[in-house]
Amino acid sequence: MMGVSGSGKSTVGRVLADQLTVPFVDADDLHPASNIDKMRAGVPLTDSDREPWLDAVGSALAQLSAGVVACSALARRYRDRIRVFVPDASFVQLDGSRALLAARLADRRGHFMPTGLLDSQLATLEPLQHEEDGLLVDITASPAEIVKRVLEHRASGSGRNG
């Protein structure tokens, strides 16, 4: 699951992992404390902040025979870095309007990512490209509906973004 904060990566990822009976990993749990401190302070991460974290995400995924990971993976180069560890990784981009994302972030409690970083994440976001293995899904659907669409896409074997 990929997308900006508030898109539902963890929620949908957990439901998908349960449906597939595979492990779920939340990439937020793999951030070093320095990254969390920066984000909590409203400071966007740099690529050099993200590189060791993305390596940890790729490594965690590579250790699984199958699994679901919730990770922002906002830019193509970040997804490519994960693919170094797991070349056949498939990404599901959870996509929604800025207004919906901001509303979700405003309602969320106890998370280190402040609403003020949403615009920075949206500016960094590079949507899945056609040749990337994955699926773009609108987040206005329920988590169960999103998972159903992901499973249908997976069963169709279409792979490429569509």
C-alpha atoms as a PDB file:
ATOM      1  CA  MET A   1       0.000   0.000   0.000  1.00  0.00           C
ATOM      2  CA  MET A   2       1.408   3.373  -0.947  1.00  0.00           C
ATOM      3  CA  GLY A   3       0.209   6.944  -0.754  1.00  0.00           C
ATOM      4  CA  VAL A   4       0.377  10.081   1.319  1.00  0.00           C
ATOM      5  CA  SER A   5      -0.391  10.202   5.003  1.00  0.00           C
ATOM      6  CA  GLY A   6      -4.089   9.790   5.677  1.00  0.00           C
ATOM      7  CA  SER A   7      -4.787   7.742   2.568  1.00  0.00           C
ATOM      8  CA  GLY A   8      -5.533   4.616   4.592  1.00  0.00           C
ATOM      9  CA  LYS A   9      -2.403   2.565   3.907  1.00  0.00           C
ATOM     10  CA  SER A  10      -2.309   0.917   7.330  1.00  0.00           C
ATOM     11  CA  THR A  11      -6.038   0.297   7.550  1.00  0.00           C
ATOM     12  CA  VAL A  12      -6.385  -1.147   4.053  1.00  0.00           C
ATOM     13  CA  GLY A  13      -3.061  -2.975   4.319  1.00  0.00           C
ATOM     14  CA  ARG A  14      -4.118  -4.792   7.472  1.00  0.00           C
ATOM     15  CA  VAL A  15      -7.435  -5.844   5.892  1.00  0.00           C
ATOM     16  CA  LEU A  16      -5.643  -7.047   2.748  1.00  0.00           C
ATOM     17  CA  ALA A  17      -3.039  -8.973   4.760  1.00  0.00           C
ATOM     18  CA  ASP A  18      -5.821 -10.636   6.758  1.00  0.00           C
ATOM     19  CA  GLN A  19      -7.646 -11.606   3.554  1.00  0.00           C
ATOM     20  CA  LEU A  20      -4.459 -13.065   2.083  1.00  0.00           C
ATOM     21  CA  THR A  21      -3.375 -14.571   5.423  1.00  0.00           C
ATOM     22  CA  VAL A  22       0.084 -13.023   5.086  1.00  0.00           C
ATOM     23  CA  PRO A  23       2.092 -10.824   7.469  1.00  0.00           C
ATOM     24  CA  PHE A  24       1.497  -7.065   7.588  1.00  0.00           C
ATOM     25  CA  VAL A  25       4.327  -4.559   8.098  1.00  0.00           C
ATOM     26  CA  ASP A  26       3.717  -0.882   8.797  1.00  0.00           C
ATOM     27  CA  ALA A  27       6.714   1.027   7.463  1.00  0.00           C
ATOM     28  CA  ASP A  28       6.066   3.761  10.031  1.00  0.00           C
ATOM     29  CA  ASP A  29       7.396   1.297  12.609  1.00  0.00           C
ATOM     30  CA  LEU A  30      10.713   1.131  10.722  1.00  0.00           C
ATOM     31  CA  HIS A  31      11.483   4.858  10.811  1.00  0.00           C
ATOM     32  CA  PRO A  32      14.482   5.811  12.931  1.00  0.00           C
ATOM     33  CA  ALA A  33      13.631   8.083  15.859  1.00  0.00           C
ATOM     34  CA  SER A  34      15.309  11.015  14.082  1.00  0.00           C
ATOM     35  CA  ASN A  35      12.826  10.780  11.196  1.00  0.00           C
ATOM     36  CA  ILE A  36       9.852  10.632  13.543  1.00  0.00           C
ATOM     37  CA  ASP A  37      11.200  13.619  15.488  1.00  0.00           C
ATOM     38  CA  LYS A  38      11.556  15.629  12.264  1.00  0.00           C
ATOM     39  CA  MET A  39       8.053  14.802  11.066  1.00  0.00           C
ATOM     40  CA  ARG A  40       6.524  15.434  14.490  1.00  0.00           C
ATOM     41  CA  ALA A  41       8.194  18.877  14.363  1.00  0.00           C
ATOM     42  CA  GLY A  42       6.612  19.510  10.947  1.00  0.00           C
ATOM     43  CA  VAL A  43       9.859  19.163   9.003  1.00  0.00           C
ATOM     44  CA  PRO A  44       9.617  17.187   5.749  1.00  0.00           C
ATOM     45  CA  LEU A  45      12.034  14.310   5.303  1.00  0.00           C
ATOM     46  CA  THR A  46      14.821  14.592   2.756  1.00  0.00           C
ATOM     47  CA  ASP A  47      15.915  11.804   0.436  1.00  0.00           C
ATOM     48  CA  SER A  48      18.916  11.183   2.699  1.00  0.00           C
ATOM     49  CA  ASP A  49      16.515  10.782   5.649  1.00  0.00           C
ATOM     50  CA  ARG A  50      14.410   8.343   3.647  1.00  0.00           C
ATOM     51  CA  GLU A  51      17.177   6.152   2.161  1.00  0.00           C
ATOM     52  CA  PRO A  52      18.018   4.047   5.263  1.00  0.00           C
ATOM     53  CA  TRP A  53      14.298   3.780   6.047  1.00  0.00           C
ATOM     54  CA  LEU A  54      13.467   2.596   2.516  1.00  0.00           C
ATOM     55  CA  ASP A  55      16.301   0.054   2.798  1.00  0.00           C
ATOM     56  CA  ALA A  56      14.745  -1.193   6.054  1.00  0.00           C
ATOM     57  CA  VAL A  57      11.339  -1.432   4.339  1.00  0.00           C
ATOM     58  CA  GLY A  58      12.798  -3.345   1.391  1.00  0.00           C
ATOM     59  CA  SER A  59      14.744  -5.637   3.702  1.00  0.00           C
ATOM     60  CA  ALA A  60      11.670  -6.364   5.834  1.00  0.00           C
ATOM     61  CA  LEU A  61       9.628  -7.192   2.746  1.00  0.00           C
ATOM     62  CA  ALA A  62      12.419  -9.349   1.299  1.00  0.00           C
ATOM     63  CA  GLN A  63      12.406 -11.484   4.443  1.00  0.00           C
ATOM     64  CA  LEU A  64       8.790 -12.495   3.785  1.00  0.00           C
ATOM     65  CA  SER A  65       7.743 -15.102   1.250  1.00  0.00           C
ATOM     66  CA  ALA A  66       4.619 -12.939   0.846  1.00  0.00           C
ATOM     67  CA  GLY A  67       3.347  -9.938   2.746  1.00  0.00           C
ATOM     68  CA  VAL A  68       1.683  -6.551   2.706  1.00  0.00           C
ATOM     69  CA  VAL A  69       3.572  -3.389   3.601  1.00  0.00           C
ATOM     70  CA  ALA A  70       2.094   0.048   4.216  1.00  0.00           C
ATOM     71  CA  CYS A  71       4.698   2.545   3.013  1.00  0.00           C
ATOM     72  CA  SER A  72       4.300   6.010   1.537  1.00  0.00           C
ATOM     73  CA  ALA A  73       6.713   5.197  -1.344  1.00  0.00           C
ATOM     74  CA  LEU A  74       5.786   8.587  -2.772  1.00  0.00           C
ATOM     75  CA  ALA A  75       8.358   8.876  -5.548  1.00  0.00           C
ATOM     76  CA  ARG A  76       9.291   6.432  -8.270  1.00  0.00           C
ATOM     77  CA  ARG A  77      12.899   6.422  -7.040  1.00  0.00           C
ATOM     78  CA  TYR A  78      11.649   5.331  -3.575  1.00  0.00           C
ATOM     79  CA  ARG A  79       9.665   2.470  -5.094  1.00  0.00           C
ATOM     80  CA  ASP A  80      12.699   1.542  -7.198  1.00  0.00           C
ATOM     81  CA  ARG A  81      14.823   1.456  -4.041  1.00  0.00           C
ATOM     82  CA  ILE A  82      12.371  -1.036  -2.492  1.00  0.00           C
ATOM     83  CA  ARG A  83      12.464  -3.053  -5.726  1.00  0.00           C
ATOM     84  CA  VAL A  84      16.230  -3.518  -5.277  1.00  0.00           C
ATOM     85  CA  PHE A  85      15.276  -5.828  -2.394  1.00  0.00           C
ATOM     86  CA  VAL A  86      12.036  -7.200  -3.896  1.00  0.00           C
ATOM     87  CA  PRO A  87      12.106  -6.900  -7.699  1.00  0.00           C
ATOM     88  CA  ASP A  88       8.564  -8.221  -8.105  1.00  0.00           C
ATOM     89  CA  ALA A  89       6.994  -5.848  -5.548  1.00  0.00           C
ATOM     90  CA  SER A  90       3.576  -4.615  -6.622  1.00  0.00           C
ATOM     91  CA  PHE A  91       2.236  -1.284  -5.366  1.00  0.00           C
ATOM     92  CA  VAL A  92      -1.345  -0.239  -4.649  1.00  0.00           C
ATOM     93  CA  GLN A  93      -1.570   3.545  -4.682  1.00  0.00           C
ATOM     94  CA  LEU A  94      -4.350   4.880  -2.465  1.00  0.00           C
ATOM     95  CA  ASP A  95      -5.441   8.146  -4.027  1.00  0.00           C
ATOM     96  CA  GLY A  96      -7.816  10.854  -2.855  1.00  0.00           C
ATOM     97  CA  SER A  97      -8.500  14.555  -2.919  1.00  0.00           C
ATOM     98  CA  ARG A  98      -6.496  16.946  -0.780  1.00  0.00           C
ATOM     99  CA  ALA A  99      -9.691  17.900   1.059  1.00  0.00           C
ATOM    100  CA  LEU A 100     -10.484  14.290   2.000  1.00  0.00           C
ATOM    101  CA  LEU A 101      -6.898  13.597   3.049  1.00  0.00           C
ATOM    102  CA  ALA A 102      -6.765  16.771   5.176  1.00  0.00           C
ATOM    103  CA  ALA A 103     -10.058  15.848   6.858  1.00  0.00           C
ATOM    104  CA  ARG A 104      -8.765  12.380   7.673  1.00  0.00           C
ATOM    105  CA  LEU A 105      -5.533  13.783   9.103  1.00  0.00           C
ATOM    106  CA  ALA A 106      -7.458  16.319  11.194  1.00  0.00           C
ATOM    107  CA  ASP A 107      -9.507  13.474  12.704  1.00  0.00           C
ATOM    108  CA  ARG A 108      -6.502  11.263  13.428  1.00  0.00           C
ATOM    109  CA  ARG A 109      -5.122  11.267  16.963  1.00  0.00           C
ATOM    110  CA  GLY A 110      -1.793  10.100  18.329  1.00  0.00           C
ATOM    111  CA  HIS A 111       0.112   9.906  15.034  1.00  0.00           C
ATOM    112  CA  PHE A 112       3.449  11.654  14.565  1.00  0.00           C
ATOM    113  CA  MET A 113       2.599  13.007  11.099  1.00  0.00           C
ATOM    114  CA  PRO A 114       1.071  16.488  11.364  1.00  0.00           C
ATOM    115  CA  THR A 115      -1.522  17.753   8.894  1.00  0.00           C
ATOM    116  CA  GLY A 116       0.919  20.523   7.950  1.00  0.00           C
ATOM    117  CA  LEU A 117       3.094  18.040   6.032  1.00  0.00           C
ATOM    118  CA  LEU A 118       0.294  16.970   3.673  1.00  0.00           C
ATOM    119  CA  ASP A 119       1.181  19.544   1.008  1.00  0.00           C
ATOM    120  CA  SER A 120       4.841  18.493   1.142  1.00  0.00           C
ATOM    121  CA  GLN A 121       3.822  14.862   0.623  1.00  0.00           C
ATOM    122  CA  LEU A 122       1.481  15.744  -2.243  1.00  0.00           C
ATOM    123  CA  ALA A 123       4.288  17.741  -3.880  1.00  0.00           C
ATOM    124  CA  THR A 124       6.619  14.734  -3.589  1.00  0.00           C
ATOM    125  CA  LEU A 125       4.046  12.202  -4.819  1.00  0.00           C
ATOM    126  CA  GLU A 126       4.779  10.682  -8.215  1.00  0.00           C
ATOM    127  CA  PRO A 127       1.771   8.533  -9.142  1.00  0.00           C
ATOM    128  CA  LEU A 128       2.369   4.996 -10.300  1.00  0.00           C
ATOM    129  CA  GLN A 129       3.583   4.987 -13.862  1.00  0.00           C
ATOM    130  CA  HIS A 130       2.003   2.769 -16.487  1.00  0.00           C
ATOM    131  CA  GLU A 131       4.930   0.349 -16.619  1.00  0.00           C
ATOM    132  CA  GLU A 132       4.983  -0.109 -12.833  1.00  0.00           C
ATOM    133  CA  ASP A 133       3.368  -3.229 -11.429  1.00  0.00           C
ATOM    134  CA  GLY A 134       0.450  -1.958  -9.420  1.00  0.00           C
ATOM    135  CA  LEU A 135      -2.974  -0.449  -9.147  1.00  0.00           C
ATOM    136  CA  LEU A 136      -4.370   3.035  -8.462  1.00  0.00           C
ATOM    137  CA  VAL A 137      -7.421   2.997  -6.165  1.00  0.00           C
ATOM    138  CA  ASP A 138      -9.713   5.844  -5.098  1.00  0.00           C
ATOM    139  CA  ILE A 139      -9.948   6.091  -1.314  1.00  0.00           C
ATOM    140  CA  THR A 140     -13.581   7.194  -1.270  1.00  0.00           C
ATOM    141  CA  ALA A 141     -14.440   3.485  -1.287  1.00  0.00           C
ATOM    142  CA  SER A 142     -14.536   1.568   1.993  1.00  0.00           C
ATOM    143  CA  PRO A 143     -11.462  -0.444   3.024  1.00  0.00           C
ATOM    144  CA  ALA A 144     -13.389  -3.653   2.236  1.00  0.00           C
ATOM    145  CA  GLU A 145     -14.254  -2.378  -1.254  1.00  0.00           C
ATOM    146  CA  ILE A 146     -10.659  -1.326  -1.874  1.00  0.00           C
ATOM    147  CA  VAL A 147      -9.395  -4.749  -0.807  1.00  0.00           C
ATOM    148  CA  LYS A 148     -11.965  -6.411  -3.067  1.00  0.00           C
ATOM    149  CA  ARG A 149     -10.705  -4.358  -6.015  1.00  0.00           C
ATOM    150  CA  VAL A 150      -7.080  -5.222  -5.181  1.00  0.00           C
ATOM    151  CA  LEU A 151      -7.890  -8.933  -4.977  1.00  0.00           C
ATOM    152  CA  GLU A 152      -9.797  -8.803  -8.280  1.00  0.00           C
ATOM    153  CA  HIS A 153      -6.872  -7.017  -9.920  1.00  0.00           C
ATOM    154  CA  ARG A 154      -4.465  -9.592  -8.490  1.00  0.00           C
ATOM    155  CA  ALA A 155      -6.653 -12.498  -9.672  1.00  0.00           C
ATOM    156  CA  SER A 156      -6.854 -11.042 -13.173  1.00  0.00           C
ATOM    157  CA  GLY A 157      -3.059 -11.200 -13.393  1.00  0.00           C
ATOM    158  CA  SER A 158      -3.008  -7.811 -15.110  1.00  0.00           C
ATOM    159  CA  GLY A 159      -0.120  -6.604 -12.950  1.00  0.00           C
ATOM    160  CA  ARG A 160       0.596  -3.337 -14.703  1.00  0.00           C
ATOM    161  CA  ASN A 161      -0.928  -0.158 -13.409  1.00  0.00           C
ATOM    162  CA  GLY A 162      -4.493   0.101 -14.521  1.00  0.00           C
END
